[in-house]
Amino acid sequence: EPSGVCSAGYVCYQGAITAAPNDGRVTGEVCPAGYYCSAGTASPVACPAGTYNNVTGQSACLTCPAGYFCMANSVTFLTQPCPAGYYCPNGTLYATQYPCPAGTFSSLPLLTSESQCQACLAGFYCASAGQTNVSGVCAPGFYCSARSTSSTPVPPEGNICPVGSYCVAGSSSARRCDGGQYCAIAGLSQPTG
């Protein structure tokens, strides 16, 4: 009958004679980095995604810190910074898990929360999630408020230029028709006459 279980932080292979063997993988070893070994472990268990383990002999993995992501079996988080266009809270599993939402962007890496994603600038639009820059300028005949997701937005992201005004490409608001000219229909990019 066995004398007891293998100590936490160690792996005991068949024939182990101590609870903390370290004889070069013959009967056991210290749990390697990137793995964890709870008491009674017969083989090391890889740290799951969202965690890492940078030292040997551990019985648990550490939570990946905010600003980084940790793939399964990670030994460090430092080589896995959160990329631009995304944010990584504690325990992030992979680089693109949390994209900055449409209507926002981020050119900076290492973001830790969605609130750090920058609102798309007025006069521009950000069509999709995970953007590192704006998608482009607002279409002629329309104006784009901050956080627009389309070059031809609808409220509250912007709108078609109303009658009596015009909007050149990249407009952040409707421009009233100049004196001596008229703007007879909605959606104009320049006065009618």
N, C-alpha and C. Protein backbone atom coordinates (compact mmCIF):
# COMPACT_ATOMS: atom_id res chain seq x y z
N GLU A 1 0.85 -1.18 0.00
CA GLU A 1 0.00 0.00 0.00
C GLU A 1 0.90 1.25 0.00
N PRO A 2 0.54 2.32 -0.79
CA PRO A 2 1.37 3.53 -0.84
C PRO A 2 1.49 4.20 0.52
N SER A 3 2.62 4.89 0.71
CA SER A 3 2.88 5.60 1.96
C SER A 3 2.10 6.91 2.04
N GLY A 4 1.72 7.48 0.89
CA GLY A 4 1.00 8.76 0.86
C GLY A 4 0.95 9.27 -0.57
N VAL A 5 0.50 10.51 -0.72
CA VAL A 5 0.41 11.11 -2.05
C VAL A 5 1.62 11.99 -2.31
N CYS A 6 1.87 12.22 -3.57
CA CYS A 6 2.95 13.10 -4.01
C CYS A 6 2.66 14.52 -3.50
N SER A 7 3.70 15.22 -3.08
CA SER A 7 3.55 16.59 -2.58
C SER A 7 3.12 17.54 -3.69
N ALA A 8 2.35 18.56 -3.33
CA ALA A 8 1.98 19.60 -4.29
C ALA A 8 3.25 20.24 -4.82
N GLY A 9 3.27 20.50 -6.13
CA GLY A 9 4.46 21.10 -6.76
C GLY A 9 5.42 20.06 -7.31
N TYR A 10 5.08 18.79 -7.17
CA TYR A 10 5.92 17.69 -7.67
C TYR A 10 5.08 16.72 -8.49
N VAL A 11 5.77 15.97 -9.35
CA VAL A 11 5.16 14.90 -10.13
C VAL A 11 5.78 13.59 -9.66
N CYS A 12 4.96 12.63 -9.31
CA CYS A 12 5.46 11.32 -8.91
C CYS A 12 5.11 10.30 -9.98
N TYR A 13 6.14 9.73 -10.60
CA TYR A 13 5.94 8.67 -11.59
C TYR A 13 5.89 7.33 -10.87
N GLN A 14 5.58 6.30 -11.61
CA GLN A 14 5.52 4.97 -11.03
C GLN A 14 6.88 4.62 -10.43
N GLY A 15 6.87 4.11 -9.21
CA GLY A 15 8.10 3.72 -8.52
C GLY A 15 8.70 4.79 -7.64
N ALA A 16 8.00 5.93 -7.46
CA ALA A 16 8.51 7.01 -6.62
C ALA A 16 8.66 6.51 -5.18
N ILE A 17 9.76 6.92 -4.52
CA ILE A 17 10.01 6.48 -3.15
C ILE A 17 9.93 7.62 -2.13
N THR A 18 9.60 8.81 -2.63
CA THR A 18 9.46 9.98 -1.76
C THR A 18 8.30 10.84 -2.27
N ALA A 19 7.74 11.68 -1.41
CA ALA A 19 6.63 12.55 -1.79
C ALA A 19 7.09 13.74 -2.62
N ALA A 20 8.41 13.98 -2.64
CA ALA A 20 8.96 15.11 -3.40
C ALA A 20 10.16 14.63 -4.22
N PRO A 21 9.93 13.75 -5.20
CA PRO A 21 11.05 13.21 -5.98
C PRO A 21 11.61 14.24 -6.97
N ASN A 22 12.90 14.12 -7.22
CA ASN A 22 13.54 15.00 -8.20
C ASN A 22 14.78 14.30 -8.73
N ASP A 23 14.56 13.18 -9.38
CA ASP A 23 15.69 12.38 -9.86
C ASP A 23 15.79 12.37 -11.39
N GLY A 24 15.40 13.48 -11.99
CA GLY A 24 15.58 13.59 -13.43
C GLY A 24 14.62 12.76 -14.24
N ARG A 25 13.37 12.76 -13.88
CA ARG A 25 12.29 12.10 -14.61
C ARG A 25 12.33 10.57 -14.51
N VAL A 26 13.07 10.03 -13.55
CA VAL A 26 13.06 8.57 -13.37
C VAL A 26 11.83 8.19 -12.53
N THR A 27 11.73 8.72 -11.31
CA THR A 27 10.57 8.44 -10.46
C THR A 27 9.76 9.71 -10.17
N GLY A 28 10.28 10.86 -10.55
CA GLY A 28 9.53 12.09 -10.33
C GLY A 28 10.39 13.32 -10.57
N GLU A 29 9.74 14.47 -10.52
CA GLU A 29 10.44 15.74 -10.75
C GLU A 29 9.65 16.90 -10.17
N VAL A 30 10.33 18.03 -10.07
CA VAL A 30 9.67 19.27 -9.68
C VAL A 30 8.75 19.66 -10.84
N CYS A 31 7.58 20.14 -10.54
CA CYS A 31 6.62 20.55 -11.57
C CYS A 31 7.25 21.65 -12.43
N PRO A 32 7.25 21.51 -13.75
CA PRO A 32 7.92 22.49 -14.61
C PRO A 32 7.13 23.80 -14.75
N ALA A 33 7.81 24.85 -15.15
CA ALA A 33 7.17 26.13 -15.44
C ALA A 33 6.18 25.93 -16.58
N GLY A 34 5.08 26.68 -16.54
CA GLY A 34 4.04 26.53 -17.55
C GLY A 34 3.03 25.46 -17.20
N TYR A 35 3.24 24.79 -16.06
CA TYR A 35 2.38 23.71 -15.59
C TYR A 35 2.08 23.92 -14.12
N TYR A 36 1.12 23.13 -13.62
CA TYR A 36 0.87 23.09 -12.18
C TYR A 36 0.70 21.64 -11.76
N CYS A 37 1.01 21.36 -10.50
CA CYS A 37 0.94 20.00 -9.98
C CYS A 37 0.32 20.05 -8.59
N SER A 38 -0.92 19.65 -8.48
CA SER A 38 -1.55 19.59 -7.17
C SER A 38 -1.08 18.31 -6.46
N ALA A 39 -1.40 18.16 -5.20
CA ALA A 39 -0.97 16.98 -4.44
C ALA A 39 -1.49 15.72 -5.14
N GLY A 40 -0.63 14.72 -5.27
CA GLY A 40 -1.00 13.45 -5.88
C GLY A 40 -0.90 13.44 -7.39
N THR A 41 -0.18 14.38 -7.98
CA THR A 41 -0.08 14.47 -9.43
C THR A 41 0.84 13.39 -10.01
N ALA A 42 0.35 12.68 -11.04
CA ALA A 42 1.14 11.68 -11.74
C ALA A 42 1.73 12.23 -13.03
N SER A 43 1.21 13.37 -13.51
CA SER A 43 1.79 14.05 -14.66
C SER A 43 1.42 15.54 -14.56
N PRO A 44 2.33 16.42 -15.00
CA PRO A 44 2.05 17.85 -14.88
C PRO A 44 0.85 18.26 -15.74
N VAL A 45 0.11 19.26 -15.29
CA VAL A 45 -1.06 19.76 -16.00
C VAL A 45 -0.72 21.14 -16.55
N ALA A 46 -0.89 21.32 -17.86
CA ALA A 46 -0.58 22.61 -18.50
C ALA A 46 -1.46 23.71 -17.93
N CYS A 47 -0.87 24.87 -17.71
CA CYS A 47 -1.67 26.02 -17.27
C CYS A 47 -2.69 26.32 -18.36
N PRO A 48 -3.96 26.49 -17.99
CA PRO A 48 -4.97 26.79 -19.02
C PRO A 48 -4.81 28.21 -19.56
N ALA A 49 -5.39 28.46 -20.71
CA ALA A 49 -5.37 29.81 -21.29
C ALA A 49 -5.93 30.78 -20.25
N GLY A 50 -5.35 31.98 -20.21
CA GLY A 50 -5.75 32.99 -19.23
C GLY A 50 -4.91 32.95 -17.97
N THR A 51 -3.99 31.97 -17.91
CA THR A 51 -3.09 31.85 -16.75
C THR A 51 -1.68 31.59 -17.26
N TYR A 52 -0.72 31.67 -16.34
CA TYR A 52 0.68 31.37 -16.66
C TYR A 52 1.36 30.88 -15.39
N ASN A 53 2.55 30.34 -15.54
CA ASN A 53 3.36 29.94 -14.40
C ASN A 53 4.82 30.10 -14.80
N ASN A 54 5.50 31.05 -14.18
CA ASN A 54 6.88 31.35 -14.57
C ASN A 54 7.93 30.71 -13.67
N VAL A 55 7.50 29.93 -12.71
CA VAL A 55 8.46 29.25 -11.84
C VAL A 55 8.11 27.77 -11.74
N THR A 56 9.07 26.97 -11.32
CA THR A 56 8.85 25.53 -11.16
C THR A 56 8.28 25.25 -9.77
N GLY A 57 7.75 24.04 -9.59
CA GLY A 57 7.31 23.58 -8.28
C GLY A 57 6.03 24.23 -7.78
N GLN A 58 5.12 24.58 -8.68
CA GLN A 58 3.90 25.28 -8.28
C GLN A 58 2.69 24.34 -8.31
N SER A 59 1.77 24.59 -7.39
CA SER A 59 0.55 23.78 -7.33
C SER A 59 -0.63 24.49 -7.98
N ALA A 60 -0.43 25.71 -8.46
CA ALA A 60 -1.48 26.46 -9.15
C ALA A 60 -0.83 27.43 -10.13
N CYS A 61 -1.61 27.85 -11.11
CA CYS A 61 -1.12 28.84 -12.07
C CYS A 61 -1.59 30.23 -11.64
N LEU A 62 -0.94 31.25 -12.15
CA LEU A 62 -1.28 32.64 -11.83
C LEU A 62 -2.18 33.21 -12.91
N THR A 63 -3.08 34.10 -12.52
CA THR A 63 -3.97 34.76 -13.49
C THR A 63 -3.17 35.72 -14.34
N CYS A 64 -3.40 35.68 -15.64
CA CYS A 64 -2.73 36.59 -16.56
C CYS A 64 -3.14 38.02 -16.20
N PRO A 65 -2.18 38.95 -16.07
CA PRO A 65 -2.54 40.31 -15.67
C PRO A 65 -3.17 41.11 -16.81
N ALA A 66 -3.93 42.13 -16.44
CA ALA A 66 -4.57 43.02 -17.41
C ALA A 66 -3.50 43.65 -18.31
N GLY A 67 -3.85 43.81 -19.58
CA GLY A 67 -2.93 44.37 -20.56
C GLY A 67 -2.18 43.30 -21.34
N TYR A 68 -2.37 42.06 -20.94
CA TYR A 68 -1.70 40.92 -21.59
C TYR A 68 -2.70 39.79 -21.80
N PHE A 69 -2.34 38.83 -22.65
CA PHE A 69 -3.12 37.61 -22.80
C PHE A 69 -2.17 36.45 -22.58
N CYS A 70 -2.70 35.33 -22.14
CA CYS A 70 -1.89 34.14 -21.88
C CYS A 70 -2.53 32.93 -22.56
N MET A 71 -1.86 32.39 -23.54
CA MET A 71 -2.32 31.16 -24.19
C MET A 71 -2.03 29.99 -23.25
N ALA A 72 -2.62 28.85 -23.52
CA ALA A 72 -2.39 27.66 -22.70
C ALA A 72 -0.90 27.35 -22.62
N ASN A 73 -0.47 26.88 -21.45
CA ASN A 73 0.91 26.45 -21.23
C ASN A 73 1.89 27.63 -21.20
N SER A 74 1.43 28.83 -20.87
CA SER A 74 2.31 30.01 -20.86
C SER A 74 3.26 29.99 -19.67
N VAL A 75 4.52 30.32 -19.97
CA VAL A 75 5.55 30.44 -18.95
C VAL A 75 5.67 31.90 -18.51
N THR A 76 5.30 32.83 -19.39
CA THR A 76 5.34 34.25 -19.07
C THR A 76 4.22 34.96 -19.80
N PHE A 77 3.85 36.12 -19.31
CA PHE A 77 2.86 36.95 -20.00
C PHE A 77 3.54 38.07 -20.77
N LEU A 78 4.78 38.38 -20.45
CA LEU A 78 5.49 39.53 -21.01
C LEU A 78 5.66 39.47 -22.53
N THR A 79 5.67 38.28 -23.10
CA THR A 79 5.83 38.14 -24.55
C THR A 79 4.49 38.16 -25.28
N GLN A 80 3.39 38.39 -24.53
CA GLN A 80 2.05 38.35 -25.11
C GLN A 80 1.27 39.62 -24.76
N PRO A 81 1.77 40.81 -25.19
CA PRO A 81 1.04 42.04 -24.89
C PRO A 81 -0.25 42.14 -25.69
N CYS A 82 -1.24 42.76 -25.11
CA CYS A 82 -2.51 42.96 -25.79
C CYS A 82 -2.26 43.86 -27.01
N PRO A 83 -2.71 43.47 -28.19
CA PRO A 83 -2.43 44.26 -29.40
C PRO A 83 -3.31 45.51 -29.51
N ALA A 84 -2.88 46.45 -30.32
CA ALA A 84 -3.68 47.64 -30.61
C ALA A 84 -5.01 47.21 -31.21
N GLY A 85 -6.09 47.93 -30.88
CA GLY A 85 -7.42 47.60 -31.36
C GLY A 85 -8.18 46.67 -30.44
N TYR A 86 -7.52 46.20 -29.38
CA TYR A 86 -8.11 45.26 -28.44
C TYR A 86 -7.79 45.68 -27.02
N TYR A 87 -8.52 45.14 -26.05
CA TYR A 87 -8.21 45.35 -24.64
C TYR A 87 -8.20 44.00 -23.96
N CYS A 88 -7.41 43.87 -22.91
CA CYS A 88 -7.22 42.60 -22.24
C CYS A 88 -7.36 42.76 -20.73
N PRO A 89 -8.53 42.45 -20.15
CA PRO A 89 -8.66 42.45 -18.70
C PRO A 89 -7.93 41.24 -18.10
N ASN A 90 -7.89 41.16 -16.79
CA ASN A 90 -7.26 40.01 -16.12
C ASN A 90 -7.82 38.70 -16.68
N GLY A 91 -6.94 37.73 -16.92
CA GLY A 91 -7.37 36.40 -17.34
C GLY A 91 -7.71 36.28 -18.82
N THR A 92 -7.26 37.21 -19.65
CA THR A 92 -7.57 37.14 -21.09
C THR A 92 -6.91 35.90 -21.70
N LEU A 93 -7.70 35.17 -22.51
CA LEU A 93 -7.26 33.89 -23.07
C LEU A 93 -6.44 34.01 -24.34
N TYR A 94 -6.79 34.98 -25.21
CA TYR A 94 -6.08 35.12 -26.49
C TYR A 94 -6.14 36.57 -26.94
N ALA A 95 -5.27 36.94 -27.88
CA ALA A 95 -5.04 38.33 -28.27
C ALA A 95 -6.29 39.07 -28.73
N THR A 96 -7.16 38.41 -29.45
CA THR A 96 -8.32 39.09 -30.06
C THR A 96 -9.63 38.78 -29.32
N GLN A 97 -9.54 38.37 -28.07
CA GLN A 97 -10.74 38.01 -27.31
C GLN A 97 -11.66 39.21 -27.08
N TYR A 98 -11.09 40.38 -26.80
CA TYR A 98 -11.89 41.57 -26.48
C TYR A 98 -11.56 42.71 -27.44
N PRO A 99 -12.24 42.78 -28.60
CA PRO A 99 -11.97 43.88 -29.53
C PRO A 99 -12.61 45.18 -29.06
N CYS A 100 -11.96 46.30 -29.35
CA CYS A 100 -12.61 47.58 -29.16
C CYS A 100 -13.84 47.55 -30.08
N PRO A 101 -15.02 47.95 -29.58
CA PRO A 101 -16.23 47.81 -30.39
C PRO A 101 -16.28 48.75 -31.58
N ALA A 102 -17.13 48.42 -32.55
CA ALA A 102 -17.37 49.32 -33.69
C ALA A 102 -17.74 50.68 -33.13
N GLY A 103 -17.29 51.74 -33.79
CA GLY A 103 -17.51 53.09 -33.29
C GLY A 103 -16.37 53.58 -32.43
N THR A 104 -15.38 52.69 -32.20
CA THR A 104 -14.18 53.05 -31.44
C THR A 104 -12.96 52.49 -32.14
N PHE A 105 -11.78 52.88 -31.68
CA PHE A 105 -10.52 52.34 -32.19
C PHE A 105 -9.45 52.53 -31.13
N SER A 106 -8.30 51.92 -31.32
CA SER A 106 -7.15 52.15 -30.46
C SER A 106 -5.88 51.84 -31.23
N SER A 107 -5.00 52.80 -31.28
CA SER A 107 -3.70 52.59 -31.92
C SER A 107 -2.66 52.16 -30.88
N LEU A 108 -3.06 52.08 -29.62
CA LEU A 108 -2.13 51.73 -28.54
C LEU A 108 -2.31 50.28 -28.09
N PRO A 109 -1.22 49.60 -27.79
CA PRO A 109 -1.32 48.26 -27.21
C PRO A 109 -1.50 48.35 -25.69
N LEU A 110 -1.68 47.22 -25.05
CA LEU A 110 -1.71 47.08 -23.59
C LEU A 110 -2.93 47.69 -22.91
N LEU A 111 -4.04 47.85 -23.64
CA LEU A 111 -5.25 48.36 -22.99
C LEU A 111 -5.79 47.30 -22.04
N THR A 112 -6.41 47.75 -20.95
CA THR A 112 -6.92 46.83 -19.93
C THR A 112 -8.44 46.82 -19.82
N SER A 113 -9.13 47.80 -20.43
CA SER A 113 -10.59 47.83 -20.36
C SER A 113 -11.18 48.51 -21.59
N GLU A 114 -12.45 48.22 -21.88
CA GLU A 114 -13.12 48.80 -23.03
C GLU A 114 -13.16 50.32 -22.96
N SER A 115 -13.21 50.86 -21.75
CA SER A 115 -13.28 52.32 -21.59
C SER A 115 -12.03 53.02 -22.12
N GLN A 116 -10.95 52.28 -22.33
CA GLN A 116 -9.73 52.88 -22.89
C GLN A 116 -9.74 52.95 -24.41
N CYS A 117 -10.70 52.30 -25.05
CA CYS A 117 -10.84 52.40 -26.50
C CYS A 117 -11.30 53.82 -26.81
N GLN A 118 -10.72 54.44 -27.82
CA GLN A 118 -11.03 55.83 -28.16
C GLN A 118 -12.27 55.89 -29.05
N ALA A 119 -13.20 56.79 -28.71
CA ALA A 119 -14.38 56.99 -29.55
C ALA A 119 -13.94 57.48 -30.92
N CYS A 120 -14.59 56.96 -31.96
CA CYS A 120 -14.30 57.42 -33.31
C CYS A 120 -14.54 58.92 -33.35
N LEU A 121 -13.68 59.64 -34.01
CA LEU A 121 -13.72 61.09 -34.04
C LEU A 121 -14.89 61.59 -34.88
N ALA A 122 -15.46 62.73 -34.49
CA ALA A 122 -16.54 63.34 -35.27
C ALA A 122 -16.01 63.66 -36.67
N GLY A 123 -16.83 63.39 -37.68
CA GLY A 123 -16.42 63.58 -39.07
C GLY A 123 -15.83 62.33 -39.69
N PHE A 124 -15.61 61.30 -38.86
CA PHE A 124 -15.04 60.02 -39.30
C PHE A 124 -15.97 58.89 -38.87
N TYR A 125 -15.70 57.69 -39.34
CA TYR A 125 -16.45 56.53 -38.89
C TYR A 125 -15.50 55.37 -38.65
N CYS A 126 -15.91 54.47 -37.77
CA CYS A 126 -15.15 53.26 -37.42
C CYS A 126 -16.11 52.08 -37.58
N ALA A 127 -16.05 51.41 -38.73
CA ALA A 127 -17.06 50.45 -39.14
C ALA A 127 -17.05 49.13 -38.39
N SER A 128 -15.91 48.67 -37.96
CA SER A 128 -15.87 47.33 -37.37
C SER A 128 -15.12 47.31 -36.05
N ALA A 129 -15.23 46.21 -35.35
CA ALA A 129 -14.55 46.03 -34.07
C ALA A 129 -13.06 45.75 -34.30
N GLY A 130 -12.24 46.09 -33.33
CA GLY A 130 -10.81 45.77 -33.38
C GLY A 130 -9.98 46.69 -34.26
N GLN A 131 -10.46 47.89 -34.51
CA GLN A 131 -9.72 48.80 -35.40
C GLN A 131 -8.59 49.53 -34.68
N THR A 132 -7.50 49.76 -35.42
CA THR A 132 -6.37 50.51 -34.89
C THR A 132 -6.39 51.96 -35.35
N ASN A 133 -7.32 52.29 -36.24
CA ASN A 133 -7.48 53.66 -36.73
C ASN A 133 -8.91 53.80 -37.24
N VAL A 134 -9.29 55.02 -37.61
CA VAL A 134 -10.63 55.23 -38.16
C VAL A 134 -10.72 54.53 -39.52
N SER A 135 -11.95 54.20 -39.95
CA SER A 135 -12.16 53.56 -41.25
C SER A 135 -12.05 54.56 -42.39
N GLY A 136 -12.51 55.78 -42.15
CA GLY A 136 -12.48 56.80 -43.19
C GLY A 136 -13.30 58.01 -42.78
N VAL A 137 -13.49 58.91 -43.75
CA VAL A 137 -14.25 60.12 -43.48
C VAL A 137 -15.73 59.89 -43.78
N CYS A 138 -16.55 60.68 -43.15
CA CYS A 138 -17.99 60.65 -43.38
C CYS A 138 -18.27 60.99 -44.84
N ALA A 139 -19.25 60.33 -45.43
CA ALA A 139 -19.58 60.51 -46.85
C ALA A 139 -20.14 61.91 -47.12
N PRO A 140 -19.93 62.44 -48.34
CA PRO A 140 -20.55 63.71 -48.72
C PRO A 140 -22.08 63.60 -48.58
N GLY A 141 -22.70 64.66 -48.07
CA GLY A 141 -24.15 64.67 -47.87
C GLY A 141 -24.59 64.14 -46.53
N PHE A 142 -23.61 63.71 -45.69
CA PHE A 142 -23.89 63.21 -44.35
C PHE A 142 -22.95 63.87 -43.36
N TYR A 143 -23.34 63.83 -42.08
CA TYR A 143 -22.42 64.24 -41.03
C TYR A 143 -22.32 63.11 -40.01
N CYS A 144 -21.13 62.94 -39.46
CA CYS A 144 -20.86 61.86 -38.50
C CYS A 144 -20.54 62.46 -37.14
N SER A 145 -21.30 62.07 -36.14
CA SER A 145 -21.00 62.43 -34.76
C SER A 145 -19.90 61.50 -34.26
N ALA A 146 -19.40 61.73 -33.05
CA ALA A 146 -18.43 60.81 -32.46
C ALA A 146 -19.08 59.43 -32.34
N ARG A 147 -18.30 58.37 -32.50
CA ARG A 147 -18.72 56.96 -32.41
C ARG A 147 -19.52 56.47 -33.61
N SER A 148 -19.45 57.14 -34.74
CA SER A 148 -20.15 56.67 -35.94
C SER A 148 -19.56 55.36 -36.42
N THR A 149 -20.45 54.46 -36.88
CA THR A 149 -20.00 53.16 -37.40
C THR A 149 -20.21 53.05 -38.91
N SER A 150 -20.73 54.12 -39.53
CA SER A 150 -21.00 54.10 -40.97
C SER A 150 -20.66 55.45 -41.58
N SER A 151 -20.26 55.43 -42.85
CA SER A 151 -19.98 56.70 -43.55
C SER A 151 -21.27 57.41 -43.91
N THR A 152 -22.38 56.69 -43.84
CA THR A 152 -23.72 57.25 -44.09
C THR A 152 -24.59 56.94 -42.87
N PRO A 153 -24.31 57.59 -41.75
CA PRO A 153 -24.93 57.21 -40.48
C PRO A 153 -26.39 57.62 -40.34
N VAL A 154 -27.02 56.98 -39.37
CA VAL A 154 -28.36 57.35 -38.92
C VAL A 154 -28.25 57.76 -37.45
N PRO A 155 -29.23 58.54 -36.94
CA PRO A 155 -29.15 58.96 -35.54
C PRO A 155 -29.02 57.76 -34.60
N PRO A 156 -28.32 57.85 -33.51
CA PRO A 156 -27.68 59.06 -32.98
C PRO A 156 -26.24 59.27 -33.45
N GLU A 157 -25.76 58.43 -34.38
CA GLU A 157 -24.36 58.50 -34.83
C GLU A 157 -24.11 59.61 -35.84
N GLY A 158 -25.15 60.28 -36.30
CA GLY A 158 -25.06 61.30 -37.34
C GLY A 158 -26.34 61.23 -38.14
N ASN A 159 -26.31 61.79 -39.37
CA ASN A 159 -27.52 61.77 -40.16
C ASN A 159 -27.23 62.31 -41.55
N ILE A 160 -28.23 62.22 -42.42
CA ILE A 160 -28.17 62.87 -43.72
C ILE A 160 -28.33 64.38 -43.48
N CYS A 161 -27.64 65.19 -44.27
CA CYS A 161 -27.76 66.64 -44.10
C CYS A 161 -29.18 67.07 -44.41
N PRO A 162 -29.80 67.85 -43.54
CA PRO A 162 -31.19 68.24 -43.76
C PRO A 162 -31.32 69.34 -44.83
N VAL A 163 -32.54 69.52 -45.30
CA VAL A 163 -32.86 70.61 -46.22
C VAL A 163 -32.40 71.91 -45.58
N GLY A 164 -31.80 72.78 -46.39
CA GLY A 164 -31.30 74.07 -45.90
C GLY A 164 -29.85 74.02 -45.46
N SER A 165 -29.21 72.87 -45.64
CA SER A 165 -27.81 72.71 -45.25
C SER A 165 -27.10 71.79 -46.23
N TYR A 166 -25.77 71.70 -46.09
CA TYR A 166 -24.98 70.78 -46.90
C TYR A 166 -23.83 70.25 -46.05
N CYS A 167 -23.28 69.14 -46.48
CA CYS A 167 -22.20 68.47 -45.75
C CYS A 167 -21.14 67.98 -46.74
N VAL A 168 -19.96 68.55 -46.65
CA VAL A 168 -18.85 68.05 -47.47
C VAL A 168 -18.35 66.75 -46.84
N ALA A 169 -17.54 66.00 -47.55
CA ALA A 169 -16.96 64.77 -47.00
C ALA A 169 -16.22 65.09 -45.71
N GLY A 170 -16.41 64.28 -44.69
CA GLY A 170 -15.73 64.47 -43.42
C GLY A 170 -16.43 65.46 -42.50
N SER A 171 -17.70 65.76 -42.74
CA SER A 171 -18.42 66.72 -41.90
C SER A 171 -18.77 66.11 -40.54
N SER A 172 -18.65 66.92 -39.51
CA SER A 172 -19.04 66.51 -38.17
C SER A 172 -20.39 67.11 -37.78
N SER A 173 -20.89 68.03 -38.59
CA SER A 173 -22.21 68.62 -38.39
C SER A 173 -22.66 69.22 -39.73
N ALA A 174 -23.96 69.48 -39.84
CA ALA A 174 -24.50 70.09 -41.06
C ALA A 174 -24.10 71.57 -41.10
N ARG A 175 -23.76 72.03 -42.28
CA ARG A 175 -23.40 73.44 -42.47
C ARG A 175 -24.58 74.14 -43.13
N ARG A 176 -25.07 75.21 -42.49
CA ARG A 176 -26.21 75.93 -43.05
C ARG A 176 -25.82 76.50 -44.41
N CYS A 177 -26.78 76.49 -45.31
CA CYS A 177 -26.55 77.00 -46.66
C CYS A 177 -26.14 78.47 -46.56
N ASP A 178 -25.09 78.85 -47.29
CA ASP A 178 -24.56 80.21 -47.24
C ASP A 178 -25.57 81.21 -47.78
N GLY A 179 -25.47 82.47 -47.32
CA GLY A 179 -26.32 83.55 -47.82
C GLY A 179 -26.14 83.69 -49.33
N GLY A 180 -27.23 83.91 -50.03
CA GLY A 180 -27.17 84.05 -51.48
C GLY A 180 -27.25 82.73 -52.20
N GLN A 181 -27.30 81.61 -51.46
CA GLN A 181 -27.41 80.28 -52.07
C GLN A 181 -28.58 79.55 -51.44
N TYR A 182 -28.96 78.44 -52.02
CA TYR A 182 -30.04 77.66 -51.43
C TYR A 182 -29.68 76.18 -51.47
N CYS A 183 -30.29 75.44 -50.54
CA CYS A 183 -30.08 74.00 -50.41
C CYS A 183 -31.46 73.37 -50.35
N ALA A 184 -31.97 72.97 -51.52
CA ALA A 184 -33.37 72.59 -51.68
C ALA A 184 -33.72 71.19 -51.19
N ILE A 185 -32.75 70.28 -51.14
CA ILE A 185 -33.06 68.90 -50.75
C ILE A 185 -32.08 68.42 -49.68
N ALA A 186 -32.46 67.35 -49.02
CA ALA A 186 -31.58 66.75 -48.01
C ALA A 186 -30.45 65.98 -48.71
N GLY A 187 -29.34 65.84 -48.02
CA GLY A 187 -28.23 65.02 -48.51
C GLY A 187 -27.30 65.72 -49.47
N LEU A 188 -27.26 67.03 -49.44
CA LEU A 188 -26.38 67.76 -50.37
C LEU A 188 -24.95 67.82 -49.85
N SER A 189 -23.99 67.77 -50.77
CA SER A 189 -22.59 67.95 -50.42
C SER A 189 -22.12 69.36 -50.75
N GLN A 190 -22.96 70.13 -51.45
CA GLN A 190 -22.70 71.55 -51.76
C GLN A 190 -24.04 72.21 -52.04
N PRO A 191 -24.10 73.53 -51.94
CA PRO A 191 -25.38 74.20 -52.20
C PRO A 191 -25.92 73.87 -53.59
N THR A 192 -27.25 73.88 -53.71
CA THR A 192 -27.92 73.61 -54.99
C THR A 192 -27.62 74.72 -55.99
N GLY A 193 -27.65 75.92 -55.53
CA GLY A 193 -27.40 77.05 -56.43
C GLY A 193 -27.32 78.34 -55.68
